[in-house]
């Protein structure tokens, strides 16, 4: 029944559609009934090509929706679009008698039992292809009452579409960032101020599934290193009170049960979102866990070029990172321990570090972070 839905309820349904686009078909049905039309729809109209795409509608046969998109959008009276927010009927746009002799009326409007339509531009984010609303009036002409009732809804529909666009943009950005993170070999773990796990990327999920270096215990992120756990909790505990965490000096070497070397980096996140209580509801920081792997020839060559290492020095560098200390390196390379120590001291001098653990951290920075 026309006008059966009360205005406050209808406005609420329009904003619900702004938050959930799947509700627009129901919203446009309410708009049609409130205005007193036969059909209603939201569509985009390209002001250059004159093509039109209907996004949501009610009261129209899908055959005519498709026909409008394929051909008849080029013949409708909306050759020149009205100003944003202004409601116009067909006689406001063209000579009505000429319009009745044209293809749009003869082939599209009349077969649906319609004579006139109220049209309004709702959203202009893309100036060349704005989003419009149309209400087909049926056999009768659009009158002042129909325009007045539609005008009560236009501002709300416009705001709801802006909400749709903003949410879509945020979702697109979030999806793109998630895709980027999931294509990194670095395990990324977002935690709150209590070290509770908020999110892990694909590599992080793999590390959790391995249940070796990191695991989730009662929702908290725990590493295999007691030192790392203590540093992690100390670093992010202050985030509960909004205090800052220094970005540097939080790299911790980790060793898996099979002897593989990893490096963990703690990274603060700048913003905390609170829900009005003391509980932090957003990520306070991130733990980045990267496997130290220098098997690629290009990686070794890059390190050698960067620090001007000789081939012998590079072999010792890589062996220290991959295998371990001086005795293991000497045995693996078939050289004396004194020779290995000499090369290692030269590596220290050229790289500017003084501990083998720092070489592991340095090497992690040259590892390819992309999935390969």
Protein backbone atom coordinates (compact mmCIF):
# COMPACT_ATOMS: atom_id res chain seq x y z
CA UNK A 1 0.00 0.00 0.00
CA UNK A 2 1.31 3.45 -0.93
CA UNK A 3 2.65 5.39 1.99
CA UNK A 4 2.21 2.40 4.31
CA UNK A 5 5.67 2.72 5.86
CA UNK A 6 6.18 5.58 8.29
CA UNK A 7 8.86 8.12 7.42
CA UNK A 8 11.12 7.46 10.47
CA UNK A 9 11.11 3.71 9.77
CA UNK A 10 11.81 4.29 6.09
CA UNK A 11 14.71 6.65 6.85
CA UNK A 12 16.13 4.04 9.21
CA UNK A 13 15.92 1.39 6.50
CA UNK A 14 17.76 3.71 4.09
CA UNK A 15 20.65 4.15 6.54
CA UNK A 16 20.64 0.40 7.17
CA UNK A 17 21.20 0.01 3.42
CA UNK A 18 24.06 2.50 3.72
CA UNK A 19 25.74 0.06 6.11
CA UNK A 20 24.65 -3.08 4.28
CA UNK A 21 24.15 -2.61 0.50
CA UNK A 22 22.21 -5.89 0.26
CA UNK A 23 19.30 -4.04 1.92
CA UNK A 24 18.91 -1.48 -0.87
CA UNK A 25 16.32 -3.52 -2.78
CA UNK A 26 14.10 -3.46 0.31
CA UNK A 27 14.80 0.24 0.84
CA UNK A 28 13.83 1.21 -2.71
CA UNK A 29 10.61 -0.78 -2.33
CA UNK A 30 9.81 1.30 0.74
CA UNK A 31 10.64 4.50 -1.16
CA UNK A 32 8.35 3.50 -4.03
CA UNK A 33 5.46 2.85 -1.67
CA UNK A 34 6.06 6.04 0.31
CA UNK A 35 6.22 8.21 -2.81
CA UNK A 36 3.31 6.44 -4.49
CA UNK A 37 4.98 5.09 -7.62
CA UNK A 38 4.87 1.89 -9.62
CA UNK A 39 8.61 1.16 -9.61
CA UNK A 40 11.78 2.58 -8.11
CA UNK A 41 15.46 2.09 -8.76
CA UNK A 42 19.00 3.29 -8.12
CA UNK A 43 21.13 3.51 -11.24
CA UNK A 44 24.29 5.09 -12.62
CA UNK A 45 24.00 7.32 -15.66
CA UNK A 46 27.11 8.06 -17.71
CA UNK A 47 26.80 11.68 -18.80
CA UNK A 48 29.16 11.12 -21.75
CA UNK A 49 28.18 7.76 -23.25
CA UNK A 50 24.58 8.07 -21.93
CA UNK A 51 24.74 4.42 -20.87
CA UNK A 52 22.98 3.41 -17.67
CA UNK A 53 23.39 0.59 -15.17
CA UNK A 54 20.66 -0.23 -12.64
CA UNK A 55 22.04 -1.34 -9.27
CA UNK A 56 18.91 -1.88 -7.17
CA UNK A 57 15.24 -1.79 -8.14
CA UNK A 58 11.72 -2.96 -7.39
CA UNK A 59 8.46 -3.07 -9.32
CA UNK A 60 10.05 -3.52 -12.77
CA UNK A 61 10.45 -6.57 -14.99
CA UNK A 62 14.14 -7.66 -15.19
CA UNK A 63 13.73 -7.79 -18.99
CA UNK A 64 13.21 -4.02 -19.09
CA UNK A 65 16.10 -3.42 -16.70
CA UNK A 66 18.37 -5.29 -19.10
CA UNK A 67 16.83 -3.52 -22.09
CA UNK A 68 17.57 -0.15 -20.46
CA UNK A 69 21.22 -1.06 -19.93
CA UNK A 70 21.72 -2.43 -23.44
CA UNK A 71 19.97 0.19 -25.56
CA UNK A 72 17.29 2.46 -24.11
CA UNK A 73 19.42 4.39 -21.62
CA UNK A 74 20.67 6.32 -24.67
CA UNK A 75 17.12 7.41 -25.54
CA UNK A 76 15.76 8.44 -22.15
CA UNK A 77 15.02 12.12 -21.46
CA UNK A 78 18.03 12.46 -19.12
CA UNK A 79 20.25 13.80 -21.90
CA UNK A 80 21.32 16.63 -19.62
CA UNK A 81 21.36 15.57 -15.97
CA UNK A 82 19.64 17.83 -13.44
CA UNK A 83 21.63 19.49 -10.62
CA UNK A 84 22.46 17.33 -7.63
CA UNK A 85 19.44 16.86 -5.36
CA UNK A 86 16.89 18.49 -7.69
CA UNK A 87 13.85 16.31 -8.44
CA UNK A 88 12.64 16.53 -12.04
CA UNK A 89 9.85 14.82 -13.95
CA UNK A 90 9.94 14.14 -17.68
CA UNK A 91 8.03 17.34 -18.64
CA UNK A 92 10.72 19.29 -16.76
CA UNK A 93 13.33 17.85 -19.13
CA UNK A 94 11.77 17.63 -22.61
CA UNK A 95 8.67 18.46 -24.62
CA UNK A 96 6.23 15.84 -23.40
CA UNK A 97 4.41 15.31 -26.71
CA UNK A 98 7.68 14.81 -28.57
CA UNK A 99 8.80 12.42 -25.85
CA UNK A 100 5.63 10.33 -26.26
CA UNK A 101 6.46 9.85 -29.95
CA UNK A 102 10.00 8.72 -29.22
CA UNK A 103 11.51 5.25 -28.80
CA UNK A 104 11.99 5.51 -25.04
CA UNK A 105 8.30 6.00 -24.39
CA UNK A 106 7.03 3.74 -27.15
CA UNK A 107 9.39 0.80 -26.48
CA UNK A 108 10.25 1.11 -22.78
CA UNK A 109 7.84 3.20 -20.73
CA UNK A 110 4.50 2.43 -22.39
CA UNK A 111 4.94 -1.40 -22.41
CA UNK A 112 5.45 -1.19 -18.63
CA UNK A 113 2.29 0.86 -18.19
CA UNK A 114 4.15 4.05 -17.27
CA UNK A 115 3.95 7.62 -18.52
CA UNK A 116 6.16 9.76 -16.27
CA UNK A 117 9.06 9.41 -13.83
CA UNK A 118 10.63 11.46 -11.04
CA UNK A 119 14.43 11.55 -11.28
CA UNK A 120 17.07 12.92 -8.92
CA UNK A 121 20.89 12.82 -8.76
CA UNK A 122 21.89 11.42 -5.36
CA UNK A 123 25.65 10.99 -5.46
CA UNK A 124 28.34 12.79 -7.49
CA UNK A 125 31.64 11.21 -6.41
CA UNK A 126 32.17 10.40 -10.07
CA UNK A 127 30.95 13.53 -11.83
CA UNK A 128 30.76 11.76 -15.20
CA UNK A 129 28.72 8.87 -13.85
CA UNK A 130 26.54 9.98 -10.93
CA UNK A 131 24.18 7.70 -9.03
CA UNK A 132 20.53 8.57 -9.55
CA UNK A 133 17.15 7.52 -8.23
CA UNK A 134 14.05 7.20 -10.39
CA UNK A 135 10.45 6.57 -9.41
CA UNK A 136 8.16 5.50 -12.26
CA UNK A 137 4.73 6.95 -11.57
CA UNK A 138 2.61 4.52 -13.56
CA UNK A 139 -0.19 5.85 -15.79
CA UNK A 140 -0.52 9.13 -13.92
CA UNK A 141 1.87 12.04 -14.09
CA UNK A 142 4.34 12.91 -11.37
CA UNK A 143 2.61 15.54 -9.24
CA UNK A 144 3.71 18.00 -6.56
CA UNK A 145 2.83 15.58 -3.76
CA UNK A 146 5.06 12.84 -5.17
CA UNK A 147 7.97 15.26 -5.53
CA UNK A 148 7.43 16.57 -2.02
CA UNK A 149 7.44 13.08 -0.50
CA UNK A 150 10.52 12.09 -2.49
CA UNK A 151 12.30 15.27 -1.37
CA UNK A 152 11.98 14.08 2.25
CA UNK A 153 14.06 11.03 1.39
CA UNK A 154 16.68 12.44 -0.98
CA UNK A 155 19.12 13.80 1.67
CA UNK A 156 19.08 10.49 3.56
CA UNK A 157 19.56 8.40 0.43
CA UNK A 158 22.47 10.65 -0.60
CA UNK A 159 24.18 10.25 2.78
CA UNK A 160 23.59 6.49 2.74
CA UNK A 161 25.31 6.22 -0.64
CA UNK A 162 28.27 8.22 0.66
CA UNK A 163 28.48 5.77 3.57
CA UNK A 164 28.44 2.92 1.05
CA UNK A 165 31.28 4.50 -0.89
CA UNK A 166 33.40 5.22 2.20
CA UNK A 167 32.96 1.69 3.52
CA UNK A 168 33.75 0.21 0.11
CA UNK A 169 36.93 2.29 -0.10
CA UNK A 170 38.01 1.16 3.37
CA UNK A 171 37.20 -2.47 2.57
CA UNK A 172 39.15 -2.26 -0.69
CA UNK A 173 42.14 -0.81 1.14
CA UNK A 174 41.94 -3.43 3.88
CA UNK A 175 41.68 -6.23 1.31
CA UNK A 176 44.65 -4.87 -0.63
CA UNK A 177 46.75 -4.62 2.54
CA UNK A 178 45.74 -8.14 3.58
CA UNK A 179 46.77 -9.43 0.15
CA UNK A 180 50.15 -7.70 0.49
CA UNK A 181 50.73 -9.10 3.99
CA UNK A 182 49.73 -12.60 2.92
CA UNK A 183 52.32 -12.51 0.12
CA UNK A 184 55.17 -11.89 2.55
CA UNK A 185 57.31 -14.69 3.95
CA UNK A 186 57.59 -12.67 7.16
CA UNK A 187 55.22 -13.87 9.86
CA UNK A 188 53.29 -10.82 11.08
CA UNK A 189 51.40 -10.98 14.38
CA UNK A 190 49.29 -8.07 15.59
CA UNK A 191 48.82 -8.04 19.37
CA UNK A 192 47.03 -5.82 21.84
CA UNK A 193 48.50 -4.29 24.99
CA UNK A 194 48.10 -7.62 26.79
CA UNK A 195 49.89 -9.54 24.00
CA UNK A 196 46.61 -11.10 22.93
CA UNK A 197 46.69 -12.12 19.30
CA UNK A 198 44.54 -9.82 17.16
CA UNK A 199 45.55 -11.00 13.68
CA UNK A 200 48.18 -13.08 11.90
CA UNK A 201 49.00 -13.03 8.18
CA UNK A 202 49.30 -16.22 6.12
CA UNK A 203 52.97 -16.78 7.01
CA UNK A 204 52.14 -16.13 10.66
CA UNK A 205 49.33 -18.69 10.55
CA UNK A 206 51.80 -21.24 9.16
CA UNK A 207 54.19 -20.53 12.04
CA UNK A 208 51.36 -20.94 14.56
CA UNK A 209 50.33 -24.22 12.92
CA UNK A 210 53.93 -25.51 13.23
CA UNK A 211 53.67 -24.93 17.00
CA UNK A 212 57.41 -24.38 17.31
CA UNK A 213 58.63 -20.78 17.36
CA UNK A 214 55.30 -19.20 18.24
CA UNK A 215 51.98 -20.41 19.58
CA UNK A 216 48.74 -19.00 20.93
CA UNK A 217 48.15 -19.88 24.58
CA UNK A 218 44.76 -18.82 25.94
CA UNK A 219 44.66 -16.18 23.24
CA UNK A 220 48.09 -14.73 24.07
CA UNK A 221 51.03 -14.87 21.67
CA UNK A 222 53.94 -16.84 23.12
CA UNK A 223 57.35 -17.45 21.52
CA UNK A 224 59.80 -20.29 22.10
CA UNK A 225 62.24 -17.84 23.70
CA UNK A 226 61.76 -16.81 27.33
CA UNK A 227 63.83 -13.70 26.61
CA UNK A 228 61.60 -12.81 23.67
CA UNK A 229 58.45 -13.34 25.74
CA UNK A 230 59.72 -11.09 28.50
CA UNK A 231 60.76 -8.40 26.03
CA UNK A 232 57.45 -8.64 24.18
CA UNK A 233 55.34 -8.22 27.29
CA UNK A 234 57.53 -5.45 28.67
CA UNK A 235 57.47 -3.58 25.36
CA UNK A 236 53.71 -3.68 24.83
CA UNK A 237 52.62 -3.41 28.46
CA UNK A 238 53.14 0.35 28.38
CA UNK A 239 50.86 0.58 25.34
CA UNK A 240 47.89 -0.11 27.62
CA UNK A 241 48.50 3.30 29.15
CA UNK A 242 49.16 5.00 25.83
CA UNK A 243 52.92 5.30 26.40
CA UNK A 244 55.17 4.98 23.40
CA UNK A 245 57.36 2.07 22.44
CA UNK A 246 60.66 2.89 20.81
CA UNK A 247 60.79 1.51 17.30
CA UNK A 248 64.42 0.42 17.42
CA UNK A 249 66.41 -2.01 19.52
CA UNK A 250 63.79 -4.76 19.66
CA UNK A 251 65.26 -7.44 17.36
CA UNK A 252 65.51 -10.85 19.00
CA UNK A 253 67.11 -13.98 17.50
CA UNK A 254 65.00 -17.15 17.70
CA UNK A 255 66.01 -20.76 17.12
CA UNK A 256 63.56 -23.44 16.04
CA UNK A 257 63.58 -26.99 17.39
CA UNK A 258 65.25 -28.12 14.16
CA UNK A 259 68.01 -25.53 14.44
CA UNK A 260 66.66 -23.04 11.90
CA UNK A 261 67.40 -19.42 12.74
CA UNK A 262 64.77 -16.69 12.85
CA UNK A 263 64.76 -13.03 13.84
CA UNK A 264 61.82 -11.36 15.60
CA UNK A 265 61.25 -7.60 15.42
CA UNK A 266 58.83 -5.69 17.65
CA UNK A 267 57.03 -2.78 16.04
CA UNK A 268 54.73 -0.29 17.80
CA UNK A 269 51.47 0.78 16.19
CA UNK A 270 50.68 4.44 16.59
CA UNK A 271 46.97 4.41 17.42
CA UNK A 272 44.92 2.72 20.10
CA UNK A 273 41.16 2.52 19.92
CA UNK A 274 39.24 2.27 23.15
CA UNK A 275 35.60 1.42 23.65
CA UNK A 276 35.11 3.79 26.59
CA UNK A 277 36.66 1.40 29.12
CA UNK A 278 40.23 0.57 30.02
CA UNK A 279 40.27 -2.42 27.72
CA UNK A 280 42.30 -1.95 24.56
CA UNK A 281 40.28 -3.11 21.58
CA UNK A 282 42.84 -2.50 18.84
CA UNK A 283 46.32 -3.76 18.04
CA UNK A 284 49.04 -2.07 20.13
CA UNK A 285 51.96 -3.51 18.21
CA UNK A 286 53.25 -6.12 15.82
CA UNK A 287 55.75 -8.93 16.08
CA UNK A 288 57.50 -9.70 12.79
CA UNK A 289 59.18 -13.10 12.60
CA UNK A 290 61.48 -13.78 9.65
CA UNK A 291 63.47 -16.87 8.82
CA UNK A 292 67.13 -16.19 8.17
CA UNK A 293 67.75 -17.79 4.80
CA UNK A 294 70.62 -16.85 2.51
CA UNK A 295 70.46 -19.74 0.10
CA UNK A 296 69.88 -17.50 -2.90
CA UNK A 297 73.01 -16.54 -4.83
CA UNK A 298 71.71 -13.04 -5.48
CA UNK A 299 71.30 -12.44 -1.74
CA UNK A 300 74.90 -13.42 -1.03
CA UNK A 301 76.14 -11.27 -3.89
CA UNK A 302 74.18 -8.29 -2.58
CA UNK A 303 75.71 -8.68 0.89
CA UNK A 304 79.19 -8.99 -0.61
CA UNK A 305 78.73 -5.84 -2.72
CA UNK A 306 77.21 -3.88 0.14
CA UNK A 307 80.04 -4.56 2.61
CA UNK A 308 82.85 -5.24 0.10
CA UNK A 309 83.41 -8.75 1.41
CA UNK A 310 85.88 -11.06 -0.25
CA UNK A 311 84.62 -14.49 -1.38
CA UNK A 312 86.28 -16.12 1.67
CA UNK A 313 84.75 -13.57 4.03
CA UNK A 314 81.31 -14.05 2.46
CA UNK A 315 81.52 -17.82 2.88
CA UNK A 316 82.30 -17.37 6.57
CA UNK A 317 79.48 -14.81 6.92
CA UNK A 318 76.94 -17.17 5.34
CA UNK A 319 78.18 -20.15 7.32
CA UNK A 320 77.95 -18.30 10.63
CA UNK A 321 74.35 -17.35 9.81
CA UNK A 322 73.26 -20.73 8.49
CA UNK A 323 75.27 -23.17 10.62
CA UNK A 324 76.48 -21.55 13.82
CA UNK A 325 79.77 -20.75 15.55
CA UNK A 326 83.45 -20.87 14.63
CA UNK A 327 84.02 -24.63 15.16
CA UNK A 328 81.00 -25.56 13.02
CA UNK A 329 81.95 -23.05 10.32
CA UNK A 330 85.56 -24.24 10.20
CA UNK A 331 84.44 -27.86 9.88
CA UNK A 332 81.87 -27.06 7.20
CA UNK A 333 84.28 -25.01 5.10
CA UNK A 334 87.30 -27.24 5.67
CA UNK A 335 89.45 -24.46 7.11
CA UNK A 336 91.27 -23.96 10.37
CA UNK A 337 89.42 -22.33 13.23
CA UNK A 338 92.06 -19.59 13.34
CA UNK A 339 91.39 -18.83 9.68
CA UNK A 340 87.68 -18.74 10.33
CA UNK A 341 88.22 -16.35 13.23
CA UNK A 342 90.39 -14.07 11.07
CA UNK A 343 87.72 -13.87 8.37
CA UNK A 344 85.01 -13.31 10.97
CA UNK A 345 86.89 -10.39 12.55
CA UNK A 346 87.20 -8.81 9.10
CA UNK A 347 83.48 -9.34 8.53
CA UNK A 348 82.77 -7.63 11.88
CA UNK A 349 84.94 -4.68 10.88
CA UNK A 350 83.31 -4.27 7.48
CA UNK A 351 79.71 -4.70 8.62
CA UNK A 352 80.04 -2.65 11.79
CA UNK A 353 78.68 -5.33 14.13
CA UNK A 354 80.53 -7.13 16.90
CA UNK A 355 78.50 -10.27 17.67
CA UNK A 356 77.51 -13.33 15.70
CA UNK A 357 73.87 -12.82 16.74
CA UNK A 358 74.02 -9.36 15.14
CA UNK A 359 75.19 -10.94 11.89
CA UNK A 360 72.04 -13.09 11.95
CA UNK A 361 69.89 -9.99 12.37
CA UNK A 362 71.82 -8.21 9.62
CA UNK A 363 71.39 -11.12 7.25
CA UNK A 364 67.65 -11.19 7.86
CA UNK A 365 67.43 -7.73 6.39
CA UNK A 366 68.74 -9.01 3.08
CA UNK A 367 66.35 -11.96 2.83
CA UNK A 368 63.63 -11.71 0.18
CA UNK A 369 60.38 -10.98 2.08
CA UNK A 370 58.13 -12.09 -0.81
CA UNK A 371 56.62 -15.50 -1.17
CA UNK A 372 58.62 -17.49 -3.70
